[in-house]
Amino acid sequence: MADAGRRPLISVHPDELKFTFELEKQSNCDLKVVNNTEQHVAFKVKTTSPKKYFVRPNSCMIRPQDSCPVRVTLQAQHEYPPDMQCKDKFLLQSTIVPPDTDDKELSPDTFNKRGGRLVEECRLGVVYIFPSSPQEKSGEEAFRGSIQSPDDDMSLAVQRMKDERDAAVRQAQLLQKDIDMMKTQRSRRTGRGFSFMSALLVAFIGVMFGFMLAFLYPSGSAE
């Protein structure tokens, strides 16, 4: 870390990495690393999840009062993180190097603190955000659906049962209305109190009596 009262060797903008999170899609975050000194400074980027991120360049040398752009790419993810919270961290190490240092092949000992070498460290957090455009808000809806609680599932099941019950009641009311209408029409035609249901009952008894006769006296039986 930088000593109190002295500017750090480098500044990083922004101070946290924000990625627009969409399933099965990559997302980029651009950083700007600024050399705050009048000397040549080298930096290196590390992360706690190297398989998830692609950093270019992951190390570089910056001339005095100059800057270097860094692009960090979040690889395509196949599932949402819990509560959309990310615990990944990035660490930028920086140190003063000679002007003739080859920034494309920094020595493995460049950021080694042994021997009294000054190596500063800057830590950055990671934030996942949903897409802002209305066309892409389906991702947020999908995430909310994926974390639906059991209580929400129970409420939906109860509501579905109530809807089905109400539909059955309405259907029964319509059926009863049709039966009453048919009974009224039948009564008007005959001019008697002979109901439609009575006619159905008589017809049913007649059919059953016919089946009984056929069973008791089958055709072709010996006399």
Protein backbone atom coordinates (compact mmCIF):
# COMPACT_ATOMS: atom_id res chain seq x y z
CA MET A 1 0.00 0.00 0.00
CA ALA A 2 1.10 3.61 -0.55
CA ASP A 3 2.65 5.49 2.39
CA ALA A 4 0.47 8.11 4.09
CA GLY A 5 0.84 11.51 2.50
CA ARG A 6 2.22 10.13 -0.78
CA ARG A 7 0.28 9.51 -3.94
CA PRO A 8 0.09 5.85 -5.00
CA LEU A 9 2.17 4.77 -7.98
CA ILE A 10 -0.94 4.12 -10.05
CA SER A 11 -4.61 5.06 -10.06
CA VAL A 12 -7.31 2.80 -11.49
CA HIS A 13 -10.55 4.11 -13.00
CA PRO A 14 -13.22 3.07 -12.24
CA ASP A 15 -12.56 1.76 -8.74
CA GLU A 16 -14.71 -1.36 -9.24
CA LEU A 17 -15.48 -3.64 -12.16
CA LYS A 18 -19.09 -3.64 -13.36
CA PHE A 19 -20.31 -6.31 -15.76
CA THR A 20 -23.67 -6.43 -17.49
CA PHE A 21 -24.73 -9.98 -16.65
CA GLU A 22 -26.56 -12.08 -19.24
CA LEU A 23 -26.61 -15.85 -19.39
CA GLU A 24 -24.53 -17.40 -22.19
CA LYS A 25 -23.01 -14.02 -23.13
CA GLN A 26 -19.63 -12.41 -22.53
CA SER A 27 -19.40 -9.00 -20.91
CA ASN A 28 -16.57 -6.45 -20.89
CA CYS A 29 -15.35 -3.86 -18.42
CA ASP A 30 -12.71 -1.33 -19.44
CA LEU A 31 -10.21 0.05 -16.93
CA LYS A 32 -7.74 2.90 -17.17
CA VAL A 33 -4.48 2.51 -15.26
CA VAL A 34 -2.69 5.85 -14.73
CA ASN A 35 0.96 6.33 -13.75
CA ASN A 36 1.00 9.08 -11.12
CA THR A 37 4.79 9.43 -11.01
CA GLU A 38 7.67 10.83 -13.04
CA GLN A 39 9.15 7.34 -13.30
CA HIS A 40 8.40 4.20 -15.28
CA VAL A 41 5.95 1.99 -13.47
CA ALA A 42 5.00 -1.62 -14.24
CA PHE A 43 1.75 -3.21 -13.12
CA LYS A 44 0.24 -6.69 -13.09
CA VAL A 45 -3.39 -7.79 -12.78
CA LYS A 46 -4.43 -10.80 -10.72
CA THR A 47 -7.87 -12.19 -9.90
CA THR A 48 -9.32 -14.71 -7.47
CA SER A 49 -11.19 -16.40 -10.38
CA PRO A 50 -8.75 -16.62 -13.30
CA LYS A 51 -10.93 -19.09 -15.24
CA LYS A 52 -13.87 -16.68 -15.35
CA TYR A 53 -12.04 -13.60 -16.64
CA PHE A 54 -9.82 -12.73 -19.57
CA VAL A 55 -7.51 -9.72 -18.97
CA ARG A 56 -5.63 -7.89 -21.72
CA PRO A 57 -3.03 -6.76 -21.05
CA ASN A 58 -2.57 -8.50 -17.72
CA SER A 59 0.77 -6.74 -17.23
CA CYS A 60 2.40 -3.67 -18.75
CA MET A 61 4.85 -0.83 -18.18
CA ILE A 62 3.56 2.76 -18.18
CA ARG A 63 5.70 5.77 -18.95
CA PRO A 64 5.73 8.78 -16.57
CA GLN A 65 2.33 10.50 -16.30
CA ASP A 66 0.97 8.18 -18.98
CA SER A 67 -1.88 5.65 -18.85
CA CYS A 68 -2.73 2.20 -20.12
CA PRO A 69 -6.18 0.82 -21.04
CA VAL A 70 -7.07 -2.63 -19.74
CA ARG A 71 -10.04 -4.70 -20.90
CA VAL A 72 -11.43 -7.36 -18.56
CA THR A 73 -13.83 -9.87 -20.12
CA LEU A 74 -16.27 -11.94 -18.10
CA GLN A 75 -16.62 -15.29 -19.85
CA ALA A 76 -20.13 -16.54 -20.69
CA GLN A 77 -21.83 -17.91 -17.59
CA HIS A 78 -24.42 -20.70 -17.55
CA GLU A 79 -26.25 -19.85 -14.33
CA TYR A 80 -27.00 -16.87 -12.13
CA PRO A 81 -24.89 -16.35 -9.00
CA PRO A 82 -26.74 -16.42 -5.65
CA ASP A 83 -28.62 -13.12 -5.22
CA MET A 84 -26.61 -11.73 -8.16
CA GLN A 85 -23.75 -11.08 -5.73
CA CYS A 86 -20.16 -11.58 -6.86
CA LYS A 87 -17.32 -12.26 -4.42
CA ASP A 88 -14.56 -12.16 -7.04
CA LYS A 89 -11.70 -9.73 -6.44
CA PHE A 90 -8.99 -8.18 -8.59
CA LEU A 91 -5.54 -7.17 -7.43
CA LEU A 92 -3.27 -4.75 -9.28
CA GLN A 93 0.36 -4.78 -8.19
CA SER A 94 2.61 -1.91 -9.24
CA THR A 95 6.30 -1.10 -8.83
CA ILE A 96 8.92 1.29 -10.24
CA VAL A 97 11.12 -0.19 -12.97
CA PRO A 98 14.12 1.06 -15.00
CA PRO A 99 13.28 2.99 -18.21
CA ASP A 100 14.86 0.30 -20.40
CA THR A 101 12.56 -2.44 -19.03
CA ASP A 102 10.93 -4.58 -21.71
CA ASP A 103 7.26 -4.29 -20.84
CA LYS A 104 6.40 -7.29 -23.04
CA GLU A 105 8.61 -9.63 -21.01
CA LEU A 106 8.58 -8.50 -17.40
CA SER A 107 10.83 -10.52 -15.15
CA PRO A 108 9.10 -12.96 -12.76
CA ASP A 109 10.78 -11.10 -9.90
CA THR A 110 9.41 -7.71 -10.95
CA PHE A 111 6.70 -7.79 -8.30
CA ASN A 112 8.69 -9.65 -5.66
CA LYS A 113 8.82 -7.66 -2.41
CA ARG A 114 12.02 -9.27 -1.25
CA GLY A 115 15.15 -7.11 -1.19
CA GLY A 116 13.25 -4.01 -0.12
CA ARG A 117 11.44 -3.53 -3.45
CA LEU A 118 8.40 -1.26 -3.18
CA VAL A 119 5.35 -3.10 -4.50
CA GLU A 120 2.00 -1.40 -4.05
CA GLU A 121 -1.32 -3.20 -4.24
CA CYS A 122 -4.72 -1.94 -5.36
CA ARG A 123 -7.81 -4.11 -4.85
CA LEU A 124 -11.00 -3.89 -6.89
CA GLY A 125 -14.37 -5.52 -6.33
CA VAL A 126 -16.77 -6.90 -8.94
CA VAL A 127 -20.42 -5.96 -9.42
CA TYR A 128 -22.95 -7.69 -11.70
CA ILE A 129 -25.76 -5.56 -13.12
CA PHE A 130 -28.81 -6.36 -15.24
CA PRO A 131 -29.18 -4.99 -18.77
CA SER A 132 -30.84 -1.57 -18.81
CA SER A 133 -32.69 -1.73 -22.15
CA PRO A 134 -36.35 -2.87 -22.07
CA GLN A 135 -35.67 -5.52 -24.73
CA GLU A 136 -33.23 -7.26 -22.43
CA LYS A 137 -35.15 -7.12 -19.15
CA SER A 138 -36.16 -10.74 -19.65
CA GLY A 139 -32.86 -11.66 -17.98
CA GLU A 140 -33.93 -9.98 -14.75
CA GLU A 141 -37.32 -11.70 -14.90
CA ALA A 142 -35.64 -15.06 -15.45
CA PHE A 143 -33.36 -14.47 -12.47
CA ARG A 144 -36.26 -13.52 -10.23
CA GLY A 145 -38.09 -16.65 -11.36
CA SER A 146 -35.05 -18.80 -10.59
CA ILE A 147 -34.99 -17.62 -6.94
CA GLN A 148 -38.73 -17.89 -6.31
CA SER A 149 -39.35 -19.05 -2.74
CA PRO A 150 -41.44 -22.12 -1.74
CA ASP A 151 -44.05 -19.77 -0.25
CA ASP A 152 -44.47 -18.18 -3.68
CA ASP A 153 -44.95 -21.63 -5.24
CA MET A 154 -47.58 -22.51 -2.60
CA SER A 155 -49.46 -19.25 -3.23
CA LEU A 156 -49.52 -19.93 -6.96
CA ALA A 157 -50.82 -23.47 -6.38
CA VAL A 158 -53.60 -22.24 -4.08
CA GLN A 159 -54.60 -19.52 -6.54
CA ARG A 160 -54.66 -22.07 -9.37
CA MET A 161 -56.97 -24.36 -7.34
CA LYS A 162 -59.32 -21.43 -6.60
CA ASP A 163 -59.48 -20.53 -10.29
CA GLU A 164 -60.28 -24.13 -11.24
CA ARG A 165 -62.99 -24.32 -8.54
CA ASP A 166 -64.60 -21.09 -9.72
CA ALA A 167 -64.58 -22.32 -13.32
CA ALA A 168 -66.28 -25.59 -12.25
CA VAL A 169 -68.96 -23.69 -10.33
CA ARG A 170 -69.66 -21.45 -13.33
CA GLN A 171 -69.92 -24.50 -15.59
CA ALA A 172 -72.36 -26.19 -13.20
CA GLN A 173 -74.51 -23.05 -13.06
CA LEU A 174 -74.67 -22.90 -16.86
CA LEU A 175 -75.60 -26.59 -17.04
CA GLN A 176 -78.37 -26.14 -14.47
CA LYS A 177 -79.72 -23.18 -16.43
CA ASP A 178 -79.85 -25.28 -19.63
CA ILE A 179 -81.71 -28.10 -17.79
CA ASP A 180 -84.26 -25.66 -16.35
CA MET A 181 -84.83 -24.17 -19.81
CA MET A 182 -85.37 -27.62 -21.36
CA LYS A 183 -87.81 -28.56 -18.58
CA THR A 184 -89.80 -25.36 -19.18
CA GLN A 185 -89.95 -25.95 -22.94
CA ARG A 186 -91.04 -29.57 -22.44
CA SER A 187 -93.75 -28.53 -20.03
CA ARG A 188 -95.10 -25.93 -22.47
CA ARG A 189 -95.26 -28.46 -25.34
CA THR A 190 -97.18 -31.15 -23.39
CA GLY A 191 -99.32 -28.78 -21.35
CA ARG A 192 -98.73 -31.08 -18.41
CA GLY A 193 -96.47 -31.20 -15.44
CA PHE A 194 -94.53 -34.10 -17.02
CA SER A 195 -90.95 -32.95 -16.49
CA PHE A 196 -88.00 -33.57 -18.73
CA MET A 197 -86.22 -35.41 -15.92
CA SER A 198 -89.22 -37.72 -15.53
CA ALA A 199 -89.04 -38.51 -19.24
CA LEU A 200 -85.40 -39.38 -18.92
CA LEU A 201 -86.15 -41.63 -15.95
CA VAL A 202 -88.89 -43.49 -17.86
CA ALA A 203 -86.64 -43.94 -20.84
CA PHE A 204 -83.85 -45.30 -18.63
CA ILE A 205 -86.22 -47.77 -16.93
CA GLY A 206 -87.46 -48.94 -20.34
CA VAL A 207 -83.94 -49.55 -21.58
CA MET A 208 -82.98 -51.48 -18.45
CA PHE A 209 -86.19 -53.58 -18.67
CA GLY A 210 -85.35 -54.43 -22.27
CA PHE A 211 -81.86 -55.57 -21.31
CA MET A 212 -83.33 -57.75 -18.53
CA LEU A 213 -85.76 -59.44 -20.93
CA ALA A 214 -83.00 -60.07 -23.42
CA PHE A 215 -80.87 -61.61 -20.68
CA LEU A 216 -83.68 -63.82 -19.32
CA TYR A 217 -85.03 -64.91 -22.74
CA PRO A 218 -82.14 -64.85 -25.18
CA SER A 219 -83.11 -65.43 -28.80
CA GLY A 220 -82.37 -68.89 -30.15
CA SER A 221 -82.56 -70.68 -26.76
CA ALA A 222 -83.97 -74.22 -26.60
CA GLU A 223 -87.62 -74.62 -25.55
